[in-house]
PDB file of all heavy atoms in Angstrom:
ATOM      1  N   LEU A   1    -123.139  10.968  -6.302  1.00  0.00           N
ATOM      2  CA  LEU A   1    -123.210  10.303  -5.001  1.00  0.00           C
ATOM      3  C   LEU A   1    -124.255   9.196  -5.078  1.00  0.00           C
ATOM      4  O   LEU A   1    -125.425   9.462  -5.324  1.00  0.00           O
ATOM      5  CB  LEU A   1    -123.586  11.317  -3.921  1.00  0.00           C
ATOM      6  CG  LEU A   1    -123.711  10.806  -2.506  1.00  0.00           C
ATOM      7  CD1 LEU A   1    -122.397  10.198  -2.038  1.00  0.00           C
ATOM      8  CD2 LEU A   1    -124.129  11.920  -1.578  1.00  0.00           C
ATOM      9  N   ILE A   2    -123.816   7.961  -4.909  1.00  0.00           N
ATOM     10  CA  ILE A   2    -124.723   6.812  -4.941  1.00  0.00           C
ATOM     11  C   ILE A   2    -124.790   6.244  -3.531  1.00  0.00           C
ATOM     12  O   ILE A   2    -123.795   5.786  -2.989  1.00  0.00           O
ATOM     13  CB  ILE A   2    -124.234   5.731  -5.929  1.00  0.00           C
ATOM     14  CG1 ILE A   2    -124.152   6.329  -7.328  1.00  0.00           C
ATOM     15  CG2 ILE A   2    -125.179   4.522  -5.907  1.00  0.00           C
ATOM     16  CD1 ILE A   2    -123.513   5.411  -8.362  1.00  0.00           C
ATOM     17  N   ASP A   3    -125.976   6.313  -2.956  1.00  0.00           N
ATOM     18  CA  ASP A   3    -126.185   5.861  -1.581  1.00  0.00           C
ATOM     19  C   ASP A   3    -126.555   4.378  -1.604  1.00  0.00           C
ATOM     20  O   ASP A   3    -127.649   4.022  -1.997  1.00  0.00           O
ATOM     21  CB  ASP A   3    -127.286   6.688  -0.921  1.00  0.00           C
ATOM     22  CG  ASP A   3    -127.333   6.519   0.583  1.00  0.00           C
ATOM     23  OD1 ASP A   3    -126.904   5.447   1.065  1.00  0.00           O
ATOM     24  OD2 ASP A   3    -127.793   7.434   1.255  1.00  0.00           O
ATOM     25  N   GLU A   4    -125.641   3.523  -1.207  1.00  0.00           N
ATOM     26  CA  GLU A   4    -125.865   2.076  -1.252  1.00  0.00           C
ATOM     27  C   GLU A   4    -126.792   1.573  -0.148  1.00  0.00           C
ATOM     28  O   GLU A   4    -127.219   0.439  -0.164  1.00  0.00           O
ATOM     29  CB  GLU A   4    -124.531   1.324  -1.166  1.00  0.00           C
ATOM     30  CG  GLU A   4    -123.738   1.356  -2.453  1.00  0.00           C
ATOM     31  CD  GLU A   4    -124.346   0.483  -3.538  1.00  0.00           C
ATOM     32  OE1 GLU A   4    -125.039  -0.497  -3.228  1.00  0.00           O
ATOM     33  OE2 GLU A   4    -124.127   0.786  -4.712  1.00  0.00           O
ATOM     34  N   ASP A   5    -127.077   2.408   0.828  1.00  0.00           N
ATOM     35  CA  ASP A   5    -127.958   1.995   1.916  1.00  0.00           C
ATOM     36  C   ASP A   5    -129.352   2.542   1.661  1.00  0.00           C
ATOM     37  O   ASP A   5    -129.776   3.538   2.259  1.00  0.00           O
ATOM     38  CB  ASP A   5    -127.417   2.487   3.261  1.00  0.00           C
ATOM     39  CG  ASP A   5    -128.152   1.888   4.448  1.00  0.00           C
ATOM     40  OD1 ASP A   5    -129.163   1.180   4.225  1.00  0.00           O
ATOM     41  OD2 ASP A   5    -127.734   2.128   5.583  1.00  0.00           O
ATOM     42  N   GLY A   6    -130.075   1.908   0.769  1.00  0.00           N
ATOM     43  CA  GLY A   6    -131.406   2.357   0.392  1.00  0.00           C
ATOM     44  C   GLY A   6    -132.407   2.303   1.524  1.00  0.00           C
ATOM     45  O   GLY A   6    -133.400   3.025   1.531  1.00  0.00           O
ATOM     46  N   ARG A   7    -132.140   1.459   2.493  1.00  0.00           N
ATOM     47  CA  ARG A   7    -133.043   1.334   3.649  1.00  0.00           C
ATOM     48  C   ARG A   7    -133.058   2.626   4.463  1.00  0.00           C
ATOM     49  O   ARG A   7    -134.095   3.080   4.916  1.00  0.00           O
ATOM     50  CB  ARG A   7    -132.596   0.160   4.518  1.00  0.00           C
ATOM     51  CG  ARG A   7    -133.481  -0.115   5.706  1.00  0.00           C
ATOM     52  CD  ARG A   7    -132.974  -1.320   6.479  1.00  0.00           C
ATOM     53  NE  ARG A   7    -131.569  -1.209   6.856  1.00  0.00           N
ATOM     54  CZ  ARG A   7    -131.128  -0.601   7.958  1.00  0.00           C
ATOM     55  NH1 ARG A   7    -131.980  -0.050   8.785  1.00  0.00           N
ATOM     56  NH2 ARG A   7    -129.857  -0.565   8.232  1.00  0.00           N
ATOM     57  N   VAL A   8    -131.903   3.224   4.628  1.00  0.00           N
ATOM     58  CA  VAL A   8    -131.804   4.451   5.413  1.00  0.00           C
ATOM     59  C   VAL A   8    -131.740   5.681   4.505  1.00  0.00           C
ATOM     60  O   VAL A   8    -132.426   6.658   4.734  1.00  0.00           O
ATOM     61  CB  VAL A   8    -130.568   4.398   6.348  1.00  0.00           C
ATOM     62  CG1 VAL A   8    -130.439   5.681   7.125  1.00  0.00           C
ATOM     63  CG2 VAL A   8    -130.660   3.207   7.269  1.00  0.00           C
ATOM     64  N   GLY A   9    -130.902   5.641   3.475  1.00  0.00           N
ATOM     65  CA  GLY A   9    -130.817   6.733   2.511  1.00  0.00           C
ATOM     66  C   GLY A   9    -130.355   8.056   3.091  1.00  0.00           C
ATOM     67  O   GLY A   9    -130.825   9.112   2.698  1.00  0.00           O
ATOM     68  N   THR A  10    -129.394   8.024   4.003  1.00  0.00           N
ATOM     69  CA  THR A  10    -128.952   9.237   4.675  1.00  0.00           C
ATOM     70  C   THR A  10    -128.440  10.289   3.704  1.00  0.00           C
ATOM     71  O   THR A  10    -128.779  11.464   3.824  1.00  0.00           O
ATOM     72  CB  THR A  10    -127.851   8.909   5.704  1.00  0.00           C
ATOM     73  OG1 THR A  10    -128.350   7.919   6.594  1.00  0.00           O
ATOM     74  CG2 THR A  10    -127.442  10.133   6.490  1.00  0.00           C
ATOM     75  N   SER A  11    -127.646   9.882   2.729  1.00  0.00           N
ATOM     76  CA  SER A  11    -127.099  10.845   1.771  1.00  0.00           C
ATOM     77  C   SER A  11    -128.199  11.517   0.973  1.00  0.00           C
ATOM     78  O   SER A  11    -128.139  12.715   0.693  1.00  0.00           O
ATOM     79  CB  SER A  11    -126.109  10.153   0.826  1.00  0.00           C
ATOM     80  OG  SER A  11    -125.034   9.623   1.557  1.00  0.00           O
ATOM     81  N   LEU A  12    -129.224  10.748   0.583  1.00  0.00           N
ATOM     82  CA  LEU A  12    -130.343  11.320  -0.160  1.00  0.00           C
ATOM     83  C   LEU A  12    -131.119  12.304   0.711  1.00  0.00           C
ATOM     84  O   LEU A  12    -131.585  13.339   0.228  1.00  0.00           O
ATOM     85  CB  LEU A  12    -131.272  10.217  -0.665  1.00  0.00           C
ATOM     86  CG  LEU A  12    -130.647   9.226  -1.651  1.00  0.00           C
ATOM     87  CD1 LEU A  12    -131.641   8.144  -2.011  1.00  0.00           C
ATOM     88  CD2 LEU A  12    -130.163   9.955  -2.887  1.00  0.00           C
ATOM     89  N   LYS A  13    -131.235  12.000   1.991  1.00  0.00           N
ATOM     90  CA  LYS A  13    -131.925  12.915   2.908  1.00  0.00           C
ATOM     91  C   LYS A  13    -131.143  14.216   3.054  1.00  0.00           C
ATOM     92  O   LYS A  13    -131.717  15.293   3.122  1.00  0.00           O
ATOM     93  CB  LYS A  13    -132.140  12.249   4.265  1.00  0.00           C
ATOM     94  CG  LYS A  13    -133.171  11.140   4.214  1.00  0.00           C
ATOM     95  CD  LYS A  13    -133.299  10.437   5.549  1.00  0.00           C
ATOM     96  CE  LYS A  13    -134.222   9.238   5.433  1.00  0.00           C
ATOM     97  NZ  LYS A  13    -134.241   8.429   6.645  1.00  0.00           N
ATOM     98  N   TRP A  14    -129.823  14.136   3.098  1.00  0.00           N
ATOM     99  CA  TRP A  14    -128.984  15.331   3.174  1.00  0.00           C
ATOM    100  C   TRP A  14    -129.236  16.205   1.952  1.00  0.00           C
ATOM    101  O   TRP A  14    -129.421  17.416   2.072  1.00  0.00           O
ATOM    102  CB  TRP A  14    -127.506  14.945   3.188  1.00  0.00           C
ATOM    103  CG  TRP A  14    -126.912  14.653   4.518  1.00  0.00           C
ATOM    104  CD1 TRP A  14    -127.237  13.633   5.356  1.00  0.00           C
ATOM    105  CD2 TRP A  14    -125.876  15.375   5.167  1.00  0.00           C
ATOM    106  NE1 TRP A  14    -126.451  13.674   6.467  1.00  0.00           N
ATOM    107  CE2 TRP A  14    -125.611  14.723   6.382  1.00  0.00           C
ATOM    108  CE3 TRP A  14    -125.136  16.486   4.814  1.00  0.00           C
ATOM    109  CZ2 TRP A  14    -124.631  15.167   7.261  1.00  0.00           C
ATOM    110  CZ3 TRP A  14    -124.168  16.921   5.683  1.00  0.00           C
ATOM    111  CH2 TRP A  14    -123.913  16.278   6.895  1.00  0.00           C
ATOM    112  N   ALA A  15    -129.228  15.589   0.768  1.00  0.00           N
ATOM    113  CA  ALA A  15    -129.421  16.337  -0.479  1.00  0.00           C
ATOM    114  C   ALA A  15    -130.807  16.983  -0.517  1.00  0.00           C
ATOM    115  O   ALA A  15    -130.956  18.141  -0.910  1.00  0.00           O
ATOM    116  CB  ALA A  15    -129.222  15.423  -1.681  1.00  0.00           C
ATOM    117  N   ALA A  16    -131.840  16.249  -0.104  1.00  0.00           N
ATOM    118  CA  ALA A  16    -133.198  16.791  -0.091  1.00  0.00           C
ATOM    119  C   ALA A  16    -133.312  17.954   0.895  1.00  0.00           C
ATOM    120  O   ALA A  16    -133.932  18.980   0.588  1.00  0.00           O
ATOM    121  CB  ALA A  16    -134.199  15.695   0.265  1.00  0.00           C
ATOM    122  N   ARG A  17    -132.719  17.812   2.061  1.00  0.00           N
ATOM    123  CA  ARG A  17    -132.772  18.873   3.067  1.00  0.00           C
ATOM    124  C   ARG A  17    -132.061  20.134   2.564  1.00  0.00           C
ATOM    125  O   ARG A  17    -132.544  21.256   2.766  1.00  0.00           O
ATOM    126  CB  ARG A  17    -132.131  18.387   4.366  1.00  0.00           C
ATOM    127  CG  ARG A  17    -132.387  19.306   5.530  1.00  0.00           C
ATOM    128  CD  ARG A  17    -131.850  18.759   6.852  1.00  0.00           C
ATOM    129  NE  ARG A  17    -132.104  17.337   6.997  1.00  0.00           N
ATOM    130  CZ  ARG A  17    -131.198  16.463   7.409  1.00  0.00           C
ATOM    131  NH1 ARG A  17    -129.985  16.840   7.726  1.00  0.00           N
ATOM    132  NH2 ARG A  17    -131.507  15.191   7.525  1.00  0.00           N
ATOM    133  N   ALA A  18    -130.936  19.976   1.890  1.00  0.00           N
ATOM    134  CA  ALA A  18    -130.213  21.132   1.350  1.00  0.00           C
ATOM    135  C   ALA A  18    -131.057  21.851   0.300  1.00  0.00           C
ATOM    136  O   ALA A  18    -131.118  23.084   0.282  1.00  0.00           O
ATOM    137  CB  ALA A  18    -128.880  20.682   0.752  1.00  0.00           C
ATOM    138  N   THR A  19    -131.729  21.096  -0.557  1.00  0.00           N
ATOM    139  CA  THR A  19    -132.581  21.683  -1.583  1.00  0.00           C
ATOM    140  C   THR A  19    -133.746  22.441  -0.941  1.00  0.00           C
ATOM    141  O   THR A  19    -134.080  23.554  -1.363  1.00  0.00           O
ATOM    142  CB  THR A  19    -133.105  20.599  -2.539  1.00  0.00           C
ATOM    143  OG1 THR A  19    -131.974  19.958  -3.152  1.00  0.00           O
ATOM    144  CG2 THR A  19    -133.986  21.185  -3.615  1.00  0.00           C
ATOM    145  N   GLN A  20    -134.360  21.866   0.081  1.00  0.00           N
ATOM    146  CA  GLN A  20    -135.472  22.518   0.776  1.00  0.00           C
ATOM    147  C   GLN A  20    -135.038  23.830   1.414  1.00  0.00           C
ATOM    148  O   GLN A  20    -135.822  24.765   1.511  1.00  0.00           O
ATOM    149  CB  GLN A  20    -136.040  21.603   1.858  1.00  0.00           C
ATOM    150  CG  GLN A  20    -136.793  20.414   1.330  1.00  0.00           C
ATOM    151  CD  GLN A  20    -137.155  19.426   2.441  1.00  0.00           C
ATOM    152  OE1 GLN A  20    -136.693  19.527   3.572  1.00  0.00           O
ATOM    153  NE2 GLN A  20    -137.982  18.446   2.094  1.00  0.00           N
ATOM    154  N   ARG A  21    -133.801  23.909   1.822  1.00  0.00           N
ATOM    155  CA  ARG A  21    -133.296  25.119   2.486  1.00  0.00           C
ATOM    156  C   ARG A  21    -132.722  26.125   1.484  1.00  0.00           C
ATOM    157  O   ARG A  21    -132.089  27.102   1.882  1.00  0.00           O
ATOM    158  CB  ARG A  21    -132.245  24.750   3.520  1.00  0.00           C
ATOM    159  CG  ARG A  21    -132.848  23.956   4.659  1.00  0.00           C
ATOM    160  CD  ARG A  21    -131.849  23.620   5.705  1.00  0.00           C
ATOM    161  NE  ARG A  21    -132.512  22.902   6.787  1.00  0.00           N
ATOM    162  CZ  ARG A  21    -131.908  22.478   7.859  1.00  0.00           C
ATOM    163  NH1 ARG A  21    -130.635  22.691   8.031  1.00  0.00           N
ATOM    164  NH2 ARG A  21    -132.581  21.830   8.783  1.00  0.00           N
ATOM    165  N   GLY A  22    -132.912  25.865   0.192  1.00  0.00           N
ATOM    166  CA  GLY A  22    -132.472  26.813  -0.826  1.00  0.00           C
ATOM    167  C   GLY A  22    -131.005  26.723  -1.183  1.00  0.00           C
ATOM    168  O   GLY A  22    -130.447  27.636  -1.767  1.00  0.00           O
ATOM    169  N   CYS A  23    -130.368  25.638  -0.842  1.00  0.00           N
ATOM    170  CA  CYS A  23    -128.946  25.450  -1.128  1.00  0.00           C
ATOM    171  C   CYS A  23    -128.749  24.069  -1.751  1.00  0.00           C
ATOM    172  O   CYS A  23    -128.165  23.182  -1.127  1.00  0.00           O
ATOM    173  CB  CYS A  23    -128.132  25.592   0.150  1.00  0.00           C
ATOM    174  SG  CYS A  23    -126.361  25.537  -0.113  1.00  0.00           S
ATOM    175  N   PRO A  24    -129.247  23.877  -2.987  1.00  0.00           N
ATOM    176  CA  PRO A  24    -129.185  22.544  -3.575  1.00  0.00           C
ATOM    177  C   PRO A  24    -127.756  22.064  -3.818  1.00  0.00           C
ATOM    178  O   PRO A  24    -126.857  22.862  -4.051  1.00  0.00           O
ATOM    179  CB  PRO A  24    -129.939  22.705  -4.892  1.00  0.00           C
ATOM    180  CG  PRO A  24    -129.814  24.155  -5.218  1.00  0.00           C
ATOM    181  CD  PRO A  24    -129.775  24.871  -3.889  1.00  0.00           C
TER     182      PRO A  24
END
């Protein structure tokens, strides 16, 4: 998954949140 909107980075935030919740 390559998030082309680096300013917002929504996809990256989703991935980070999933990892923090123990579901990477």
